[in-house]
C-alpha cells in the first residue's frame, strides 16, 4: 500500500505541474505565478470529487426525487482523505510560499 501512495503522490505532482505549465504558457506568465492558483483549484476539485453526502448529493437526490417520486435516504457528509488530496495541498502550499517570495522581491522578476 505504501508503494501505491508514493506512486499516487508523484503522479498527482506531475499532473498538476503539467496543468500549471499549460496555464502559464497560455497566459504568458511564469510557472511560479500560477502554481498556487492551480494547486488551490485542484485541491477544491479533489475535495468535491472525493467527498460523499453533503449539499451536492442532497441536490441530486432532490432532483431525482422530483423526477421519479422516490425519496432516498439522506447521506451524512463523509470526506475521504487520501494521498492525492494531501499532494494537492502540498503543491498549493509550495506555490503560495513561492508566490509570496515573488511578491516580496526575494525571487527576482523575469
N, C-alpha and C. Protein backbone atom coordinates (compact mmCIF):
# COMPACT_ATOMS: atom_id res chain seq x y z
N UNK A 1 0.82 -1.19 0.00
CA UNK A 1 0.00 0.00 0.00
C UNK A 1 0.86 1.26 0.00
N UNK A 2 2.01 1.22 0.63
CA UNK A 2 2.89 2.39 0.68
C UNK A 2 3.41 2.74 -0.71
N UNK A 3 3.71 1.73 -1.51
CA UNK A 3 4.22 1.96 -2.86
C UNK A 3 3.14 2.64 -3.71
N UNK A 4 1.90 2.24 -3.51
CA UNK A 4 0.79 2.83 -4.26
C UNK A 4 0.61 4.30 -3.88
N UNK A 5 0.72 4.62 -2.58
CA UNK A 5 0.58 6.01 -2.15
C UNK A 5 1.70 6.87 -2.71
N UNK A 6 2.91 6.33 -2.74
CA UNK A 6 4.03 7.07 -3.32
C UNK A 6 3.83 7.33 -4.80
N UNK A 7 3.32 6.33 -5.50
CA UNK A 7 3.05 6.48 -6.92
C UNK A 7 1.96 7.52 -7.16
N UNK A 8 0.92 7.50 -6.36
CA UNK A 8 -0.14 8.50 -6.48
C UNK A 8 0.38 9.90 -6.18
N UNK A 9 1.27 10.01 -5.21
CA UNK A 9 1.87 11.30 -4.86
C UNK A 9 2.63 11.87 -6.05
N UNK A 10 3.50 11.05 -6.65
CA UNK A 10 4.31 11.51 -7.78
C UNK A 10 3.42 11.79 -9.00
N UNK A 11 2.45 10.94 -9.25
CA UNK A 11 1.56 11.13 -10.38
C UNK A 11 0.74 12.42 -10.24
N UNK A 12 0.26 12.70 -9.04
CA UNK A 12 -0.50 13.92 -8.81
C UNK A 12 0.38 15.15 -9.00
N UNK A 13 1.60 15.11 -8.49
CA UNK A 13 2.52 16.23 -8.69
C UNK A 13 2.79 16.47 -10.17
N UNK A 14 2.99 15.41 -10.91
CA UNK A 14 3.26 15.55 -12.34
C UNK A 14 2.06 16.13 -13.08
N UNK A 15 0.87 15.65 -12.76
CA UNK A 15 -0.33 16.15 -13.43
C UNK A 15 -0.55 17.62 -13.12
N UNK A 16 -0.40 18.01 -11.87
CA UNK A 16 -0.58 19.41 -11.51
C UNK A 16 0.51 20.29 -12.12
N UNK A 17 1.72 19.78 -12.22
CA UNK A 17 2.80 20.55 -12.85
C UNK A 17 2.53 20.75 -14.33
N UNK A 18 2.02 19.72 -15.01
CA UNK A 18 1.69 19.85 -16.44
C UNK A 18 0.55 20.85 -16.63
N UNK A 19 -0.46 20.79 -15.77
CA UNK A 19 -1.56 21.76 -15.85
C UNK A 19 -1.03 23.17 -15.64
N UNK A 20 -0.12 23.34 -14.68
CA UNK A 20 0.46 24.65 -14.41
C UNK A 20 1.28 25.15 -15.59
N UNK A 21 2.05 24.27 -16.21
CA UNK A 21 2.84 24.67 -17.38
C UNK A 21 1.93 25.11 -18.53
N UNK A 22 0.85 24.37 -18.74
CA UNK A 22 -0.08 24.72 -19.81
C UNK A 22 -0.74 26.07 -19.54
N UNK A 23 -1.19 26.29 -18.30
CA UNK A 23 -1.82 27.57 -17.96
C UNK A 23 -0.81 28.71 -18.05
N UNK A 24 0.41 28.48 -17.55
CA UNK A 24 1.43 29.53 -17.59
C UNK A 24 1.80 29.90 -19.02
N UNK A 25 1.90 28.91 -19.89
CA UNK A 25 2.24 29.23 -21.29
C UNK A 25 1.06 29.87 -22.02
N UNK A 26 -0.15 29.51 -21.65
CA UNK A 26 -1.33 30.10 -22.30
C UNK A 26 -1.48 31.58 -21.95
N UNK A 27 -1.14 31.94 -20.72
CA UNK A 27 -1.29 33.33 -20.28
C UNK A 27 0.03 34.09 -20.28
N UNK A 28 1.10 33.48 -20.76
CA UNK A 28 2.43 34.10 -20.86
C UNK A 28 2.91 34.65 -19.51
N UNK A 29 2.80 33.83 -18.49
CA UNK A 29 3.32 34.18 -17.16
C UNK A 29 4.26 33.08 -16.71
N UNK A 30 4.94 33.32 -15.60
CA UNK A 30 5.88 32.32 -15.11
C UNK A 30 5.14 31.21 -14.37
N UNK A 31 5.82 30.08 -14.28
CA UNK A 31 5.29 28.89 -13.61
C UNK A 31 4.91 29.20 -12.16
N UNK A 32 5.77 29.95 -11.48
CA UNK A 32 5.59 30.24 -10.05
C UNK A 32 4.34 31.09 -9.82
N UNK A 33 4.01 31.93 -10.77
CA UNK A 33 2.89 32.86 -10.58
C UNK A 33 1.53 32.16 -10.57
N UNK A 34 1.40 31.04 -11.23
CA UNK A 34 0.11 30.35 -11.28
C UNK A 34 0.10 29.04 -10.50
N UNK A 35 1.23 28.69 -9.91
CA UNK A 35 1.33 27.41 -9.21
C UNK A 35 0.35 27.32 -8.03
N UNK A 36 0.25 28.37 -7.24
CA UNK A 36 -0.66 28.37 -6.09
C UNK A 36 -2.12 28.31 -6.50
N UNK A 37 -2.46 29.03 -7.56
CA UNK A 37 -3.85 29.05 -8.02
C UNK A 37 -4.26 27.68 -8.54
N UNK A 38 -3.39 27.06 -9.32
CA UNK A 38 -3.70 25.72 -9.85
C UNK A 38 -3.79 24.72 -8.70
N UNK A 39 -2.88 24.83 -7.72
CA UNK A 39 -2.94 23.94 -6.56
C UNK A 39 -4.23 24.10 -5.77
N UNK A 40 -4.67 25.34 -5.59
CA UNK A 40 -5.93 25.59 -4.86
C UNK A 40 -7.13 25.04 -5.62
N UNK A 41 -7.16 25.27 -6.93
CA UNK A 41 -8.28 24.76 -7.73
C UNK A 41 -8.31 23.23 -7.75
N UNK A 42 -7.14 22.62 -7.87
CA UNK A 42 -7.09 21.15 -7.85
C UNK A 42 -7.50 20.60 -6.49
N UNK A 43 -7.08 21.28 -5.41
CA UNK A 43 -7.47 20.84 -4.07
C UNK A 43 -8.98 20.90 -3.89
N UNK A 44 -9.58 21.99 -4.33
CA UNK A 44 -11.05 22.12 -4.23
C UNK A 44 -11.76 21.07 -5.07
N UNK A 45 -11.27 20.85 -6.28
CA UNK A 45 -11.89 19.86 -7.15
C UNK A 45 -11.77 18.45 -6.58
N UNK A 46 -10.61 18.11 -6.05
CA UNK A 46 -10.42 16.79 -5.43
C UNK A 46 -11.29 16.65 -4.20
N UNK A 47 -11.42 17.73 -3.42
CA UNK A 47 -12.28 17.71 -2.23
C UNK A 47 -13.73 17.42 -2.63
N UNK A 48 -14.20 18.08 -3.67
CA UNK A 48 -15.58 17.86 -4.10
C UNK A 48 -15.79 16.46 -4.68
N UNK A 49 -14.80 15.95 -5.40
CA UNK A 49 -14.97 14.66 -6.05
C UNK A 49 -14.79 13.47 -5.11
N UNK A 50 -14.03 13.65 -4.02
CA UNK A 50 -13.78 12.53 -3.12
C UNK A 50 -14.70 12.52 -1.91
N UNK A 51 -15.53 13.52 -1.76
CA UNK A 51 -16.43 13.53 -0.62
C UNK A 51 -17.78 12.94 -1.00
N UNK A 52 -18.46 12.41 -0.02
CA UNK A 52 -19.78 11.83 -0.23
C UNK A 52 -20.78 12.48 0.70
N UNK A 53 -22.00 12.56 0.29
CA UNK A 53 -23.01 13.25 1.08
C UNK A 53 -22.86 14.75 0.89
N UNK A 54 -23.46 15.53 1.74
CA UNK A 54 -23.32 16.97 1.65
C UNK A 54 -24.31 17.59 0.69
N UNK A 55 -24.11 18.88 0.41
CA UNK A 55 -25.10 19.61 -0.38
C UNK A 55 -25.20 19.17 -1.83
N UNK A 56 -24.11 18.75 -2.43
CA UNK A 56 -24.18 18.32 -3.84
C UNK A 56 -24.99 17.04 -3.96
N UNK A 57 -24.75 16.09 -3.06
CA UNK A 57 -25.51 14.85 -3.07
C UNK A 57 -26.98 15.11 -2.75
N UNK A 58 -27.25 16.02 -1.82
CA UNK A 58 -28.63 16.37 -1.50
C UNK A 58 -29.35 16.97 -2.71
N UNK A 59 -28.63 17.80 -3.47
CA UNK A 59 -29.23 18.40 -4.66
C UNK A 59 -29.63 17.33 -5.67
N UNK A 60 -28.71 16.40 -5.95
CA UNK A 60 -29.02 15.36 -6.93
C UNK A 60 -30.11 14.41 -6.42
N UNK A 61 -30.12 14.13 -5.12
CA UNK A 61 -31.19 13.29 -4.56
C UNK A 61 -32.54 13.99 -4.66
N UNK A 62 -32.57 15.30 -4.41
CA UNK A 62 -33.82 16.05 -4.53
C UNK A 62 -34.28 16.09 -5.98
N UNK A 63 -33.34 16.25 -6.90
CA UNK A 63 -33.69 16.28 -8.31
C UNK A 63 -34.25 14.92 -8.76
N UNK A 64 -33.61 13.84 -8.33
CA UNK A 64 -34.10 12.51 -8.67
C UNK A 64 -35.46 12.23 -8.03
N UNK A 65 -35.65 12.71 -6.80
CA UNK A 65 -36.94 12.52 -6.13
C UNK A 65 -38.04 13.29 -6.85
N UNK A 66 -37.71 14.46 -7.38
CA UNK A 66 -38.70 15.24 -8.11
C UNK A 66 -39.09 14.57 -9.43
N UNK A 67 -38.13 13.92 -10.04
CA UNK A 67 -38.40 13.28 -11.33
C UNK A 67 -39.13 11.95 -11.13
N UNK A 68 -38.64 11.12 -10.19
CA UNK A 68 -39.17 9.77 -10.06
C UNK A 68 -40.23 9.63 -8.97
N UNK A 69 -40.23 10.53 -8.00
CA UNK A 69 -41.17 10.41 -6.89
C UNK A 69 -40.66 9.51 -5.77
N UNK A 70 -39.47 8.96 -5.92
CA UNK A 70 -38.89 8.09 -4.90
C UNK A 70 -37.96 8.93 -4.01
N UNK A 71 -38.25 8.95 -2.73
CA UNK A 71 -37.43 9.72 -1.80
C UNK A 71 -36.34 8.80 -1.24
N UNK A 72 -35.09 9.23 -1.42
CA UNK A 72 -33.96 8.43 -0.97
C UNK A 72 -33.54 8.83 0.44
N UNK A 73 -32.87 7.91 1.09
CA UNK A 73 -32.37 8.19 2.44
C UNK A 73 -31.23 9.20 2.36
N UNK A 74 -31.17 10.11 3.32
CA UNK A 74 -30.12 11.13 3.34
C UNK A 74 -28.80 10.52 3.76
N UNK A 75 -27.73 10.96 3.11
CA UNK A 75 -26.39 10.51 3.46
C UNK A 75 -25.70 11.59 4.29
N UNK A 76 -24.94 11.17 5.28
CA UNK A 76 -24.16 12.14 6.04
C UNK A 76 -22.90 12.47 5.24
N UNK A 77 -22.36 13.65 5.50
CA UNK A 77 -21.18 14.10 4.78
C UNK A 77 -19.96 13.29 5.21
N UNK A 78 -19.25 12.74 4.25
CA UNK A 78 -18.05 11.96 4.50
C UNK A 78 -16.97 12.45 3.55
N UNK A 79 -15.82 12.82 4.11
CA UNK A 79 -14.70 13.23 3.28
C UNK A 79 -13.62 12.17 3.36
N UNK A 80 -13.23 11.65 2.22
CA UNK A 80 -12.22 10.59 2.17
C UNK A 80 -10.87 11.22 1.83
N UNK A 81 -10.06 11.39 2.87
CA UNK A 81 -8.72 11.94 2.65
C UNK A 81 -7.85 10.86 2.04
N UNK A 82 -6.94 11.28 1.21
CA UNK A 82 -6.03 10.34 0.58
C UNK A 82 -4.77 11.05 0.12
N UNK A 83 -3.87 10.30 -0.46
CA UNK A 83 -2.60 10.90 -0.88
C UNK A 83 -2.76 11.93 -1.99
N UNK A 84 -3.78 11.80 -2.81
CA UNK A 84 -3.98 12.77 -3.89
C UNK A 84 -4.37 14.13 -3.32
N UNK A 85 -5.25 14.15 -2.35
CA UNK A 85 -5.66 15.42 -1.74
C UNK A 85 -4.51 16.07 -0.99
N UNK A 86 -3.77 15.28 -0.23
CA UNK A 86 -2.65 15.86 0.52
C UNK A 86 -1.55 16.35 -0.42
N UNK A 87 -1.32 15.66 -1.52
CA UNK A 87 -0.35 16.13 -2.50
C UNK A 87 -0.78 17.45 -3.10
N UNK A 88 -2.05 17.58 -3.38
CA UNK A 88 -2.57 18.82 -3.94
C UNK A 88 -2.44 19.96 -2.93
N UNK A 89 -2.68 19.68 -1.66
CA UNK A 89 -2.49 20.71 -0.63
C UNK A 89 -1.02 21.12 -0.51
N UNK A 90 -0.12 20.16 -0.58
CA UNK A 90 1.30 20.46 -0.53
C UNK A 90 1.71 21.31 -1.73
N UNK A 91 1.22 20.97 -2.90
CA UNK A 91 1.50 21.74 -4.11
C UNK A 91 0.99 23.17 -3.96
N UNK A 92 -0.21 23.32 -3.41
CA UNK A 92 -0.76 24.65 -3.17
C UNK A 92 0.10 25.42 -2.17
N UNK A 93 0.54 24.76 -1.10
CA UNK A 93 1.37 25.43 -0.10
C UNK A 93 2.70 25.89 -0.66
N UNK A 94 3.34 25.04 -1.45
CA UNK A 94 4.61 25.41 -2.07
C UNK A 94 4.40 26.58 -3.04
N UNK A 95 3.34 26.51 -3.82
CA UNK A 95 3.03 27.59 -4.75
C UNK A 95 2.74 28.89 -4.04
N UNK A 96 2.04 28.82 -2.93
CA UNK A 96 1.73 30.02 -2.15
C UNK A 96 2.99 30.65 -1.57
N UNK A 97 3.88 29.81 -1.02
CA UNK A 97 5.13 30.31 -0.47
C UNK A 97 5.98 30.95 -1.56
N UNK A 98 6.10 30.29 -2.71
CA UNK A 98 6.88 30.86 -3.80
C UNK A 98 6.27 32.16 -4.32
N UNK A 99 4.95 32.26 -4.35
CA UNK A 99 4.30 33.49 -4.80
C UNK A 99 4.54 34.63 -3.81
N UNK A 100 4.49 34.32 -2.53
CA UNK A 100 4.78 35.35 -1.52
C UNK A 100 6.23 35.82 -1.65
N UNK A 101 7.16 34.90 -1.89
CA UNK A 101 8.55 35.28 -2.09
C UNK A 101 8.71 36.11 -3.36
N UNK A 102 7.94 35.82 -4.38
CA UNK A 102 7.98 36.58 -5.62
C UNK A 102 7.45 38.00 -5.41
N UNK A 103 6.35 38.13 -4.68
CA UNK A 103 5.76 39.44 -4.43
C UNK A 103 6.68 40.30 -3.55
N UNK A 104 7.35 39.69 -2.59
CA UNK A 104 8.24 40.43 -1.70
C UNK A 104 9.58 40.76 -2.34
N UNK A 105 9.84 40.29 -3.53
CA UNK A 105 11.06 40.61 -4.24
C UNK A 105 12.23 39.69 -3.94
N UNK A 106 12.04 38.64 -3.15
CA UNK A 106 13.11 37.71 -2.85
C UNK A 106 13.45 36.89 -4.09
N UNK A 107 12.43 36.49 -4.84
CA UNK A 107 12.64 35.88 -6.14
C UNK A 107 12.63 37.02 -7.16
N UNK A 108 13.70 37.21 -7.92
CA UNK A 108 13.75 38.36 -8.83
C UNK A 108 12.73 38.23 -9.97
N UNK A 109 12.20 39.37 -10.41
CA UNK A 109 11.25 39.33 -11.53
C UNK A 109 11.96 38.92 -12.82
N UNK A 110 11.17 38.47 -13.75
CA UNK A 110 11.74 37.98 -15.02
C UNK A 110 12.32 39.10 -15.85
